Amino acid sequence: MLALARLNVEWTRVRAPIAGRVGRAEVTAGNLVQAGGGAGATGRLTTVVSLNPVYAPFEADEQSYLRYTSLAGAGGGVGPRAHAGVPVPVLLGLSDENGFPHRGTIDFVDNQLDTRTETVHVRAVFRNDERRFVPGLFARLKLEGSARRRAVLVSDRAVGTDQDKKFVLVLKGDGTLEYRPVQLGRVADGYRIVSAGLRAGERIVVNGLQRVRPGMKVTATTGPMLAAR
């Protein structure tokens, strides 16, 4: 009888398996409760969510997975740990934030693709020391898949469209403007990457692109090239 009493007392204490924040109490003092799993049995007492670290699961499409797998062979890395044991970085931005100010790492990549959706399940982990994140928030993620490289960046305001071509107007040494076709890449931190057609250090028209034309001589004023937001 003594052993049974001790066992019953042990069951009166519920210990959470994780540290975190407790939600609303589903059962309070004075409620009628019933043990067991049959009809009328009491359900969960409350919920506990982990706050630090937090996890951000997402699905990566097949093409992205193959691209990052190729980068792994070049030292870019993919999977829970990248080349030479360095974790793969991933950036996060909340719905009220510009860009991706929070940095975390990939801690899990599934071992197979879902043939129904042609995606693979991936999970990122982030520190949450300031308790900025709570479970269920919408987040935007950006996966860094390669090493940093130097690139020419311009504002989209400096890029003109000529039928199906993109161009910029380059200021030559004699003050005239030169029409320069360019090949554009993705947007990085509000600036457009120029993959071909423009060299670092060349000056281009940013404001008033519609008021000038190639071959025109202008008196240029140097100003900042602000990023598009």
Protein backbone atom coordinates (compact mmCIF):
# COMPACT_ATOMS: atom_id res chain seq x y z
CA MET A 1 0.00 0.00 0.00
CA LEU A 2 2.85 2.37 0.83
CA ALA A 3 4.48 1.79 -2.57
CA LEU A 4 1.15 2.42 -4.33
CA ALA A 5 0.65 5.64 -2.38
CA ARG A 6 4.11 6.85 -3.33
CA LEU A 7 3.44 6.03 -6.98
CA ASN A 8 0.16 7.96 -6.91
CA VAL A 9 1.90 10.97 -5.37
CA GLU A 10 4.53 10.89 -8.13
CA TRP A 11 1.78 11.08 -10.75
CA THR A 12 0.43 14.29 -9.15
CA ARG A 13 3.50 16.18 -10.40
CA VAL A 14 3.75 16.85 -14.12
CA ARG A 15 7.21 17.81 -15.34
CA ALA A 16 7.74 19.36 -18.76
CA PRO A 17 10.38 17.64 -20.91
CA ILE A 18 11.57 21.00 -22.27
CA ALA A 19 12.17 24.51 -20.96
CA GLY A 20 9.90 27.16 -22.46
CA ARG A 21 6.73 29.19 -22.04
CA VAL A 22 3.49 27.72 -20.67
CA GLY A 23 0.18 28.53 -22.39
CA ARG A 24 -3.34 28.72 -21.04
CA ALA A 25 -4.21 26.19 -18.35
CA GLU A 26 -6.78 23.74 -19.75
CA VAL A 27 -7.49 22.25 -16.30
CA THR A 28 -7.58 24.36 -13.13
CA ALA A 29 -8.29 23.72 -9.45
CA GLY A 30 -11.88 22.58 -8.93
CA ASN A 31 -12.29 20.91 -12.33
CA LEU A 32 -13.55 17.34 -12.42
CA VAL A 33 -10.89 15.14 -14.00
CA GLN A 34 -10.87 11.52 -15.06
CA ALA A 35 -7.85 9.34 -15.72
CA GLY A 36 -7.43 6.91 -18.57
CA GLY A 37 -8.03 7.21 -22.31
CA GLY A 38 -11.74 6.45 -22.52
CA ALA A 39 -14.75 8.71 -22.93
CA GLY A 40 -14.73 11.57 -20.46
CA ALA A 41 -11.00 11.33 -19.84
CA THR A 42 -9.24 14.62 -19.18
CA GLY A 43 -7.20 15.93 -22.13
CA ARG A 44 -4.06 18.01 -22.07
CA LEU A 45 -3.33 20.23 -19.11
CA THR A 46 -1.58 22.99 -21.05
CA THR A 47 0.98 23.51 -23.81
CA VAL A 48 4.67 24.33 -23.48
CA VAL A 49 6.65 25.83 -26.38
CA SER A 50 10.41 26.12 -26.61
CA LEU A 51 11.59 29.73 -27.07
CA ASN A 52 15.35 29.45 -27.32
CA PRO A 53 16.39 28.22 -29.75
CA VAL A 54 13.51 28.32 -32.26
CA TYR A 55 13.16 26.27 -35.42
CA ALA A 56 11.98 27.34 -38.88
CA PRO A 57 11.00 24.39 -41.11
CA PHE A 58 10.58 24.89 -44.84
CA GLU A 59 10.40 22.96 -48.10
CA ALA A 60 13.12 23.32 -50.74
CA ASP A 61 12.28 22.49 -54.35
CA GLU A 62 14.26 19.90 -56.28
CA GLN A 63 16.16 22.42 -58.42
CA SER A 64 17.30 24.38 -55.36
CA TYR A 65 18.39 21.19 -53.65
CA LEU A 66 20.43 20.11 -56.67
CA ARG A 67 21.97 23.57 -57.00
CA TYR A 68 23.14 23.62 -53.40
CA THR A 69 24.36 20.05 -53.67
CA SER A 70 26.56 21.15 -56.59
CA LEU A 71 27.83 24.06 -54.52
CA ALA A 72 28.79 21.61 -51.79
CA GLY A 73 31.24 20.00 -54.19
CA ALA A 74 32.80 23.42 -54.76
CA GLY A 75 33.07 24.12 -51.04
CA GLY A 76 29.75 25.93 -50.72
CA GLY A 77 28.15 23.24 -48.60
CA VAL A 78 24.73 21.76 -48.09
CA GLY A 79 23.07 19.79 -45.31
CA PRO A 80 23.41 20.14 -41.55
CA ARG A 81 27.11 20.95 -41.90
CA ALA A 82 28.88 22.49 -44.84
CA HIS A 83 32.36 22.11 -46.20
CA ALA A 84 35.05 21.57 -43.54
CA GLY A 85 32.42 21.26 -40.79
CA VAL A 86 31.12 24.84 -41.05
CA PRO A 87 27.31 25.07 -40.55
CA VAL A 88 25.30 26.27 -43.54
CA PRO A 89 24.08 29.84 -42.82
CA VAL A 90 20.46 30.85 -43.38
CA LEU A 91 18.97 34.34 -43.01
CA LEU A 92 15.52 35.22 -41.66
CA GLY A 93 13.25 38.25 -41.83
CA LEU A 94 9.90 38.78 -40.11
CA SER A 95 6.87 40.31 -41.81
CA ASP A 96 7.54 43.77 -40.31
CA GLU A 97 11.26 43.81 -41.16
CA ASN A 98 13.20 44.80 -44.27
CA GLY A 99 15.73 42.32 -45.56
CA PHE A 100 16.96 39.38 -43.51
CA PRO A 101 18.50 40.73 -40.27
CA HIS A 102 18.56 37.44 -38.33
CA ARG A 103 21.17 34.76 -38.93
CA GLY A 104 20.89 31.08 -38.15
CA THR A 105 22.03 27.73 -39.49
CA ILE A 106 20.57 24.66 -41.15
CA ASP A 107 20.40 21.79 -38.65
CA PHE A 108 18.41 19.21 -40.61
CA VAL A 109 17.91 18.14 -44.24
CA ASP A 110 15.65 15.17 -44.94
CA ASN A 111 17.16 12.07 -46.53
CA GLN A 112 14.73 11.95 -49.46
CA LEU A 113 12.53 14.12 -51.67
CA ASP A 114 8.77 13.99 -51.46
CA THR A 115 7.80 12.65 -54.89
CA ARG A 116 4.32 14.18 -54.63
CA THR A 117 5.56 17.77 -54.22
CA GLU A 118 9.15 17.34 -55.51
CA THR A 119 10.47 19.08 -52.42
CA VAL A 120 12.78 18.15 -49.57
CA HIS A 121 12.12 19.08 -45.95
CA VAL A 122 14.71 21.37 -44.36
CA ARG A 123 14.89 22.93 -40.91
CA ALA A 124 16.78 26.01 -39.74
CA VAL A 125 17.60 26.92 -36.14
CA PHE A 126 17.92 30.44 -34.69
CA ARG A 127 18.94 31.86 -31.34
CA ASN A 128 16.13 33.76 -29.60
CA ASP A 129 17.86 35.45 -26.68
CA GLU A 130 15.69 38.59 -27.00
CA ARG A 131 12.47 36.54 -27.30
CA ARG A 132 11.72 38.22 -30.63
CA PHE A 133 10.33 35.02 -32.13
CA VAL A 134 7.28 33.07 -31.01
CA PRO A 135 6.01 29.83 -32.58
CA GLY A 136 3.67 30.35 -35.52
CA LEU A 137 5.08 33.64 -36.82
CA PHE A 138 5.40 34.09 -40.58
CA ALA A 139 9.04 34.37 -41.67
CA ARG A 140 10.99 34.83 -44.89
CA LEU A 141 14.13 32.73 -45.29
CA LYS A 142 17.16 33.11 -47.53
CA LEU A 143 19.70 30.34 -47.82
CA GLU A 144 23.31 31.29 -48.49
CA GLY A 145 24.70 28.61 -50.74
CA SER A 146 28.09 29.85 -51.87
CA ALA A 147 31.08 31.80 -50.69
CA ARG A 148 31.06 35.58 -50.91
CA ARG A 149 32.23 37.14 -54.16
CA ARG A 150 32.76 40.63 -55.49
CA ALA A 151 30.06 41.99 -57.80
CA VAL A 152 28.99 45.25 -59.42
CA LEU A 153 25.74 46.54 -57.90
CA VAL A 154 23.42 49.26 -59.22
CA SER A 155 20.06 50.66 -58.28
CA ASP A 156 17.12 49.57 -60.43
CA ARG A 157 16.48 53.28 -61.07
CA ALA A 158 19.69 53.38 -63.13
CA VAL A 159 18.59 50.56 -65.45
CA GLY A 160 16.66 51.33 -68.63
CA THR A 161 14.65 49.00 -70.89
CA ASP A 162 15.15 48.92 -74.65
CA GLN A 163 12.57 46.45 -76.00
CA ASP A 164 13.83 43.16 -74.51
CA LYS A 165 17.23 44.51 -73.45
CA LYS A 166 18.44 46.19 -70.28
CA PHE A 167 20.97 49.03 -70.42
CA VAL A 168 22.67 51.76 -68.42
CA LEU A 169 24.12 55.10 -69.55
CA VAL A 170 27.82 55.30 -68.69
CA LEU A 171 29.51 58.69 -68.26
CA LYS A 172 32.69 58.76 -70.35
CA GLY A 173 35.80 60.83 -69.65
CA ASP A 174 34.76 63.62 -72.06
CA GLY A 175 31.39 64.07 -70.34
CA THR A 176 29.30 62.25 -72.97
CA LEU A 177 26.99 59.35 -72.31
CA GLU A 178 27.52 55.86 -73.69
CA TYR A 179 24.74 53.32 -74.20
CA ARG A 180 25.83 50.09 -72.47
CA PRO A 181 23.79 46.84 -72.62
CA VAL A 182 24.00 44.91 -69.36
CA GLN A 183 23.08 41.50 -68.04
CA LEU A 184 21.33 41.62 -64.70
CA GLY A 185 21.26 39.12 -61.87
CA ARG A 186 19.23 38.91 -58.70
CA VAL A 187 18.63 41.62 -56.11
CA ALA A 188 21.08 41.75 -53.17
CA ASP A 189 20.36 44.09 -50.24
CA GLY A 190 18.18 46.31 -52.43
CA TYR A 191 20.69 46.58 -55.28
CA ARG A 192 20.69 44.79 -58.62
CA ILE A 193 23.70 42.61 -59.48
CA VAL A 194 25.21 43.37 -62.89
CA SER A 195 26.73 40.14 -64.15
CA ALA A 196 28.07 41.58 -67.45
CA GLY A 197 28.40 44.89 -69.27
CA LEU A 198 29.64 47.19 -66.49
CA ARG A 199 32.97 47.44 -64.68
CA ALA A 200 33.59 48.50 -61.11
CA GLY A 201 34.33 52.21 -60.80
CA GLU A 202 32.44 53.32 -63.92
CA ARG A 203 29.97 56.16 -63.41
CA ILE A 204 26.41 55.80 -64.64
CA VAL A 205 23.26 57.93 -64.79
CA VAL A 206 20.99 57.26 -61.83
CA ASN A 207 18.52 60.18 -61.82
CA GLY A 208 16.85 61.63 -64.91
CA LEU A 209 17.45 58.65 -67.17
CA GLN A 210 14.45 59.66 -69.34
CA ARG A 211 15.77 63.19 -69.93
CA VAL A 212 19.10 62.21 -71.53
CA ARG A 213 20.18 60.07 -74.47
CA PRO A 214 23.38 58.34 -75.65
CA GLY A 215 26.01 60.71 -77.06
CA MET A 216 24.69 63.71 -75.12
CA LYS A 217 27.24 65.75 -73.22
CA VAL A 218 26.21 66.42 -69.66
CA THR A 219 27.48 68.12 -66.55
CA ALA A 220 27.31 65.34 -63.98
CA THR A 221 26.81 65.71 -60.25
CA THR A 222 28.02 62.82 -58.11
CA GLY A 223 25.44 61.52 -55.67
CA PRO A 224 24.61 58.40 -53.67
CA MET A 225 23.13 55.36 -55.38
CA LEU A 226 20.34 54.50 -52.97
CA ALA A 227 19.06 50.98 -52.76
CA ALA A 228 15.52 50.17 -53.83
CA ARG A 229 13.24 49.33 -50.90
